[in-house]
Protein backbone atom coordinates (compact mmCIF):
# COMPACT_ATOMS: atom_id res chain seq x y z
CA MET A 1 111.87 130.88 -45.07
CA SER A 2 110.42 132.88 -42.21
CA GLY A 3 112.66 133.25 -39.22
CA VAL A 4 115.34 135.32 -37.58
CA THR A 5 119.03 134.63 -37.12
CA VAL A 6 120.68 134.75 -33.73
CA GLU A 7 124.30 134.22 -32.82
CA GLN A 8 125.28 131.27 -30.67
CA GLY A 9 129.04 131.12 -30.29
CA THR A 10 130.51 131.50 -33.79
CA HIS A 11 127.68 129.75 -35.65
CA PRO A 12 124.40 131.45 -36.69
CA VAL A 13 121.26 129.61 -35.56
CA ALA A 14 117.87 130.02 -37.27
CA ALA A 15 115.22 130.72 -34.65
CA GLN A 16 111.83 129.88 -36.10
CA LEU A 17 109.16 132.46 -35.43
CA ALA A 18 106.02 131.42 -33.59
CA PRO A 19 103.19 130.37 -35.96
CA GLN A 20 101.11 133.34 -37.15
CA ASP A 21 97.70 133.82 -38.76
CA LEU A 22 97.22 136.57 -41.34
CA TYR A 23 93.86 138.36 -41.08
CA ARG A 24 92.31 140.71 -43.60
CA LEU A 25 90.28 143.33 -41.74
CA LEU A 26 86.92 144.84 -42.64
CA ILE A 27 87.10 147.91 -40.39
CA LEU A 28 83.84 149.89 -40.40
CA ARG A 29 82.73 153.27 -39.08
CA LYS A 30 79.63 155.50 -39.13
CA GLY A 31 77.20 152.69 -38.38
CA GLY A 32 78.81 150.37 -40.89
CA SER A 33 78.44 152.73 -43.87
CA GLU A 34 82.18 153.22 -44.51
CA LEU A 35 85.05 150.75 -44.89
CA LEU A 36 88.76 151.35 -44.34
CA VAL A 37 90.79 150.48 -47.45
CA ALA A 38 94.30 150.93 -48.80
CA SER A 39 95.03 152.02 -52.34
CA GLU A 40 96.95 149.64 -54.62
CA GLY A 41 97.09 151.19 -58.07
CA PRO A 42 93.60 151.57 -59.51
CA SER A 43 92.15 149.08 -57.00
CA PHE A 44 91.85 148.78 -53.24
CA THR A 45 93.11 146.27 -50.71
CA LEU A 46 92.01 145.57 -47.17
CA PRO A 47 94.21 146.33 -44.17
CA CYS A 48 95.77 143.20 -42.72
CA VAL A 49 97.68 142.12 -39.62
CA GLU A 50 99.37 139.00 -38.33
CA ILE A 51 98.58 137.59 -34.91
CA PRO A 52 99.85 134.56 -32.98
CA LYS A 53 98.12 131.33 -33.89
CA TRP A 54 95.97 129.61 -31.23
CA GLU A 55 95.70 132.69 -29.02
CA ARG A 56 92.74 134.98 -28.33
CA VAL A 57 91.72 136.34 -31.73
CA ALA A 58 89.83 139.45 -30.60
CA GLU A 59 92.47 140.56 -28.11
CA ASN A 60 95.33 140.14 -30.56
CA LEU A 61 93.52 141.68 -33.53
CA THR A 62 92.53 144.82 -31.67
CA GLU A 63 96.04 145.25 -30.31
CA ALA A 64 97.70 144.60 -33.68
CA THR A 65 95.31 147.03 -35.42
CA ARG A 66 96.10 149.75 -32.89
CA LYS A 67 99.86 149.25 -33.24
CA ARG A 68 99.95 149.07 -37.04
CA TYR A 69 97.27 151.58 -38.04
CA GLY A 70 96.79 153.66 -34.90
CA ILE A 71 93.09 152.75 -34.77
CA TYR A 72 91.18 151.72 -31.66
CA SER A 73 88.57 149.18 -32.70
CA ALA A 74 86.42 146.28 -31.58
CA CYS A 75 85.82 142.93 -33.26
CA LEU A 76 82.27 142.17 -34.40
CA PHE A 77 82.35 138.78 -36.12
CA ALA A 78 84.12 136.60 -38.67
CA PRO A 79 82.25 136.70 -41.99
CA GLU A 80 80.85 133.45 -43.29
CA PRO A 81 83.04 131.78 -45.94
CA SER A 82 82.09 132.38 -49.55
CA ASP A 83 80.17 129.67 -51.40
CA ALA A 84 82.07 130.51 -54.57
CA THR A 85 84.20 127.64 -55.77
CA THR A 86 87.89 128.44 -55.82
CA ASP A 87 91.14 126.53 -55.90
CA ARG A 88 92.75 129.04 -53.57
CA GLU A 89 92.71 128.78 -49.81
CA GLN A 90 90.14 131.10 -48.25
CA PRO A 91 91.82 133.99 -46.37
CA LEU A 92 90.94 134.73 -42.76
CA TYR A 93 88.71 137.78 -42.33
CA GLN A 94 87.38 139.70 -39.33
CA VAL A 95 84.73 142.42 -39.30
CA MET A 96 85.65 145.24 -36.90
CA GLU A 97 84.39 148.68 -36.01
CA THR A 98 86.43 151.69 -34.99
CA THR A 99 85.43 153.14 -31.65
CA GLU A 100 86.78 156.57 -32.58
CA GLY A 101 84.58 158.74 -34.76
CA ARG A 102 87.42 160.83 -36.23
CA ALA A 103 90.42 158.55 -35.86
CA ALA A 104 93.53 159.57 -37.81
CA ILE A 105 94.57 156.97 -40.38
CA PRO A 106 97.78 156.40 -42.39
CA ASN A 107 98.17 158.54 -45.52
CA GLU A 108 97.88 155.58 -47.89
CA MET A 109 94.45 154.66 -46.50
CA ARG A 110 90.98 156.12 -46.83
CA TRP A 111 87.40 155.58 -45.74
CA LEU A 112 85.37 154.19 -48.65
CA PRO A 113 81.55 154.51 -48.66
CA LEU A 114 80.18 151.00 -49.02
CA ASP A 115 77.54 152.11 -51.48
CA SER A 116 80.30 153.16 -53.90
CA ILE A 117 81.93 149.73 -54.13
CA SER A 118 81.83 148.09 -57.56
CA ASP A 119 83.08 144.80 -58.97
CA GLN A 120 86.28 146.52 -60.05
CA SER A 121 86.99 148.18 -56.71
CA PHE A 122 89.25 145.53 -55.19
CA ALA A 123 92.42 143.89 -56.41
CA ASP A 124 91.33 140.51 -54.97
CA GLU A 125 87.82 139.32 -55.76
CA GLN A 126 87.81 137.31 -52.54
CA ASP A 127 87.82 140.59 -50.62
CA LEU A 128 84.75 141.71 -52.52
CA GLU A 129 83.00 138.42 -51.72
CA ALA A 130 83.90 138.78 -48.02
CA ILE A 131 82.51 142.32 -47.95
CA ALA A 132 79.26 141.23 -49.60
CA GLY A 133 78.91 138.36 -47.11
CA ALA A 134 79.62 140.61 -44.15
CA LEU A 135 77.00 143.13 -45.29
CA ARG A 136 74.41 140.35 -45.58
CA GLN A 137 75.17 139.26 -42.02
CA ILE A 138 75.02 142.83 -40.71
CA GLY A 139 71.64 143.23 -42.42
CA GLY A 140 70.44 140.19 -40.51
CA PHE A 141 71.67 141.59 -37.21
CA GLN A 142 70.04 144.97 -37.83
CA SER A 143 66.74 143.45 -38.91
CA GLY A 144 66.31 141.81 -35.53
CA GLU A 145 67.06 138.22 -36.53
CA PRO A 146 67.92 136.14 -33.44
CA ILE A 147 71.59 135.81 -34.36
CA GLY A 148 73.16 137.75 -31.54
CA PRO A 149 73.42 141.31 -30.23
CA PHE A 150 77.18 141.81 -30.73
CA GLY A 151 77.50 141.57 -34.49
CA SER A 152 75.84 144.83 -35.45
CA PRO A 153 77.86 148.06 -35.78
CA GLY A 154 77.19 150.43 -32.90
CA TRP A 155 76.79 147.85 -30.14
CA VAL A 156 80.01 148.90 -28.35
CA GLU A 157 78.76 152.48 -28.12
CA GLU A 158 75.46 151.19 -26.75
CA LEU A 159 77.35 149.08 -24.20
CA PHE A 160 79.37 152.10 -23.06
CA ARG A 161 76.19 154.13 -22.49
CA TRP A 162 74.64 151.32 -20.44
CA VAL A 163 77.79 150.72 -18.38
CA GLN A 164 78.20 154.45 -17.65
CA ARG A 165 74.65 154.63 -16.29
CA GLU A 166 75.28 151.62 -14.04
CA VAL A 167 78.66 152.70 -12.62
CA GLU A 168 77.81 156.37 -12.11
CA PRO A 169 76.17 155.81 -8.70
CA TYR A 170 79.51 154.34 -7.53
CA GLY A 171 81.41 157.47 -8.53
CA LEU A 172 83.00 155.76 -11.52
CA ARG A 173 83.41 157.24 -14.98
CA LEU A 174 84.49 155.35 -18.11
CA THR A 175 87.66 156.65 -19.74
CA GLY A 176 86.88 155.14 -23.16
CA LYS A 177 89.78 152.68 -23.01
CA PHE A 178 88.95 149.01 -23.04
CA ARG A 179 90.43 145.59 -23.70
CA GLN A 180 88.41 143.09 -25.73
CA LEU A 181 89.27 139.48 -24.99
CA ASN A 182 86.49 137.50 -26.70
CA ALA A 183 84.13 138.48 -29.48
CA SER A 184 81.33 136.88 -31.47
CA PRO A 185 77.69 137.77 -32.25
CA THR A 186 76.56 136.03 -29.04
CA PHE A 187 79.61 136.12 -26.73
CA SER A 188 81.52 139.08 -25.36
CA LEU A 189 84.23 139.70 -22.78
CA LEU A 190 85.64 143.21 -22.20
CA ARG A 191 87.63 144.99 -19.54
CA LEU A 192 86.54 148.63 -19.31
CA GLU A 193 88.77 151.22 -17.65
CA THR A 194 87.33 153.87 -15.36
CA ASN A 195 88.72 156.79 -13.35
CA ALA A 196 89.30 154.26 -10.53
CA GLN A 197 89.02 150.47 -10.64
CA ALA A 198 88.23 148.74 -13.91
CA VAL A 199 84.99 146.82 -14.53
CA TRP A 200 84.34 143.73 -16.62
CA PHE A 201 81.46 142.98 -18.96
CA LYS A 202 80.71 139.41 -19.99
CA ALA A 203 77.86 138.01 -22.05
CA VAL A 204 77.17 134.45 -23.16
CA GLY A 205 75.10 132.64 -25.77
CA GLU A 206 74.33 129.04 -26.64
CA PRO A 207 75.45 126.53 -25.49
CA ASN A 208 76.58 128.40 -22.36
CA LEU A 209 73.47 130.41 -21.53
CA ARG A 210 73.29 128.85 -18.07
CA GLU A 211 76.48 130.70 -17.12
CA PHE A 212 74.41 133.90 -16.96
CA SER A 213 71.90 132.63 -14.41
CA ILE A 214 74.58 130.79 -12.41
CA SER A 215 76.81 133.87 -12.19
CA ILE A 216 73.90 135.98 -10.96
CA ALA A 217 72.90 133.34 -8.42
CA LEU A 218 76.41 132.88 -6.98
CA THR A 219 76.99 136.52 -6.13
CA ARG A 220 74.14 136.66 -3.59
CA PRO A 221 74.98 133.81 -1.17
CA PHE A 222 78.77 133.84 -1.75
CA PRO A 223 79.80 137.49 -2.00
CA GLY A 224 83.31 136.88 -0.68
CA PHE A 225 84.15 134.29 -3.31
CA VAL A 226 83.05 135.88 -6.59
CA PRO A 227 83.30 139.38 -8.08
CA THR A 228 80.52 141.79 -7.13
CA ILE A 229 77.91 142.10 -9.86
CA ILE A 230 77.10 145.76 -10.45
CA ALA A 231 74.34 145.16 -12.99
CA SER A 232 72.92 142.57 -15.35
CA HIS A 233 71.58 142.85 -18.90
CA PRO A 234 69.12 139.95 -19.36
CA THR A 235 68.47 140.74 -23.04
CA TRP A 236 72.15 140.25 -23.80
CA HIS A 237 72.62 137.51 -21.16
CA GLY A 238 75.39 139.72 -19.83
CA TRP A 239 76.59 141.06 -16.52
CA LEU A 240 78.91 143.78 -15.23
CA THR A 241 81.30 143.10 -12.36
CA THR A 242 84.00 144.75 -10.34
CA GLU A 243 87.60 143.74 -10.92
CA PHE A 244 89.78 141.80 -8.51
CA ALA A 245 92.96 143.89 -8.80
CA ARG A 246 95.33 141.01 -8.17
CA SER A 247 97.59 138.74 -10.19
CA THR A 248 96.29 135.56 -11.80
CA LEU A 249 97.77 132.21 -10.84
CA ASP A 250 99.82 131.92 -14.02
CA GLU A 251 101.58 135.15 -13.05
CA VAL A 252 102.52 134.07 -9.50
CA PRO A 253 105.65 131.90 -9.05
CA ASP A 254 104.81 131.16 -5.41
CA ALA A 255 103.39 127.62 -5.13
CA CYS A 256 101.63 128.65 -1.91
CA ALA A 257 99.22 130.68 -4.03
CA TRP A 258 97.89 127.45 -5.51
CA GLN A 259 97.48 126.04 -2.01
CA ARG A 260 95.51 129.11 -0.91
CA THR A 261 93.36 128.81 -4.02
CA ALA A 262 92.54 125.18 -3.24
CA GLU A 263 91.69 126.12 0.33
CA THR A 264 89.42 128.94 -0.85
CA LEU A 265 87.65 126.60 -3.27
CA ALA A 266 87.12 124.12 -0.45
CA ALA A 267 85.69 126.92 1.70
CA LEU A 268 83.28 127.82 -1.10
CA GLN A 269 82.14 124.20 -1.36
CA ILE A 270 81.56 124.05 2.39
CA ALA A 271 79.65 127.34 2.29
CA SER A 272 77.39 125.91 -0.43
CA ILE A 273 76.14 123.09 1.84
CA GLY A 274 72.42 123.46 2.29
CA LYS A 275 72.02 125.74 -0.73
CA ALA A 276 71.55 123.03 -3.38
CA ASP A 277 67.96 123.97 -4.24
CA GLY A 278 68.89 127.55 -5.10
CA LEU A 279 71.84 126.42 -7.20
CA LEU A 280 69.71 123.92 -9.10
CA ASP A 281 67.12 126.63 -9.75
CA ALA A 282 69.95 128.65 -11.31
CA GLU A 283 70.57 125.74 -13.73
CA CYS A 284 73.70 124.34 -12.10
CA ARG A 285 74.30 120.74 -13.16
CA ASP A 286 73.15 118.17 -10.63
CA LEU A 287 76.23 116.05 -9.84
CA ARG A 288 75.04 114.77 -6.46
CA VAL A 289 75.52 111.06 -5.76
CA PRO A 290 71.83 110.01 -6.20
CA ARG A 291 71.76 111.68 -9.62
CA LEU A 292 75.07 110.15 -10.68
CA LEU A 293 73.90 106.69 -9.63
CA THR A 294 71.04 106.88 -12.12
CA LEU A 295 73.57 107.37 -14.92
CA VAL A 296 75.69 104.28 -14.16
CA ASP A 297 73.50 101.63 -15.80
CA PRO A 298 72.88 103.64 -19.01
CA PHE A 299 76.62 104.27 -19.24
CA ILE A 300 77.45 100.58 -18.89
CA GLU A 301 74.81 99.70 -21.50
CA VAL A 302 76.26 102.10 -24.05
CA MET A 303 79.83 100.96 -23.36
CA SER A 304 78.78 97.33 -23.77
CA GLN A 305 77.40 98.15 -27.20
CA PHE A 306 80.66 99.84 -28.12
CA MET A 307 82.60 96.77 -26.99
CA GLU A 308 80.49 94.52 -29.22
CA GLU A 309 81.42 96.72 -32.18
CA GLN A 310 85.12 96.67 -31.31
CA HIS A 311 87.07 94.75 -33.96
CA LEU A 312 90.59 95.06 -32.59
CA ARG A 313 91.54 91.98 -30.58
CA ARG A 314 95.01 92.94 -29.35
CA VAL A 315 93.37 94.00 -26.07
CA PRO A 316 90.40 92.04 -24.69
CA ASN A 317 87.07 93.83 -24.81
CA LEU A 318 85.72 95.16 -21.55
CA SER A 319 83.05 92.98 -20.02
CA ARG A 320 80.05 93.61 -17.78
CA ARG A 321 81.55 91.07 -15.33
CA LEU A 322 83.75 92.48 -12.59
CA ASP A 323 86.04 89.43 -12.51
CA ARG A 324 87.30 89.90 -16.09
């Protein structure tokens, strides 16, 4: 039974730990040519960490990896599940890349060249299958397949070079420290520390590509309401912004902060009056009354069909008539 015991009066009480997910990590370096492994007798095992369930995977994995193994790393992607039939539950895996070229590692671990891996290298054959699947995916990323720019080893280093060029005119210099909140081959969200204020990089993929054009469009007419965009990267559908160095609403106990937020949102809506054409050109959704009116009849038609297929009679079916 997992849990801890705390004292309450004279009787011990079992305090259940928060649900955790166990991840096996494929941590790469040198352009994805070496893999971090631990020795277990004649075979190897993958490093692993536990993180809270239902929280940000990338943020928690990078933090847990740093605390347990002393390695600064970034998440690349989750390998595709193996097609091999097995009665065992598939473990959770994450492909990561160290951002330190010569990072010190625990004594029981080593960097294993991927081209030296054999069928007998790993204690668990599922690890070997995950490695093979990850390498296939990386090969797709590196060959230019339209999968996403953030799955290939080396992309974080490329991002740092681009960001440094963009922030240098503002007197900013990256320190190398960063916080990764979201990660996938097509999505990315990082906070990058500098010698002064931090900057944020965000990139989006399908089905949220419109967020890129909308974010760029909003910064021009409404500079006081959104973070300043320092630069954009159209190929990645990403943009770099300054940081608002203030607390978020969930960190502020003062209810007046919510009132001020509502007032600011109302001010933004008022400021947007007369700018509808530009917002629509940026792919904002058209939720104006004339557009919504055109959707009423199709909605009623579909709902009427659903009502005809409704078999439960405990509650009367909705009708097209307003008097029923």
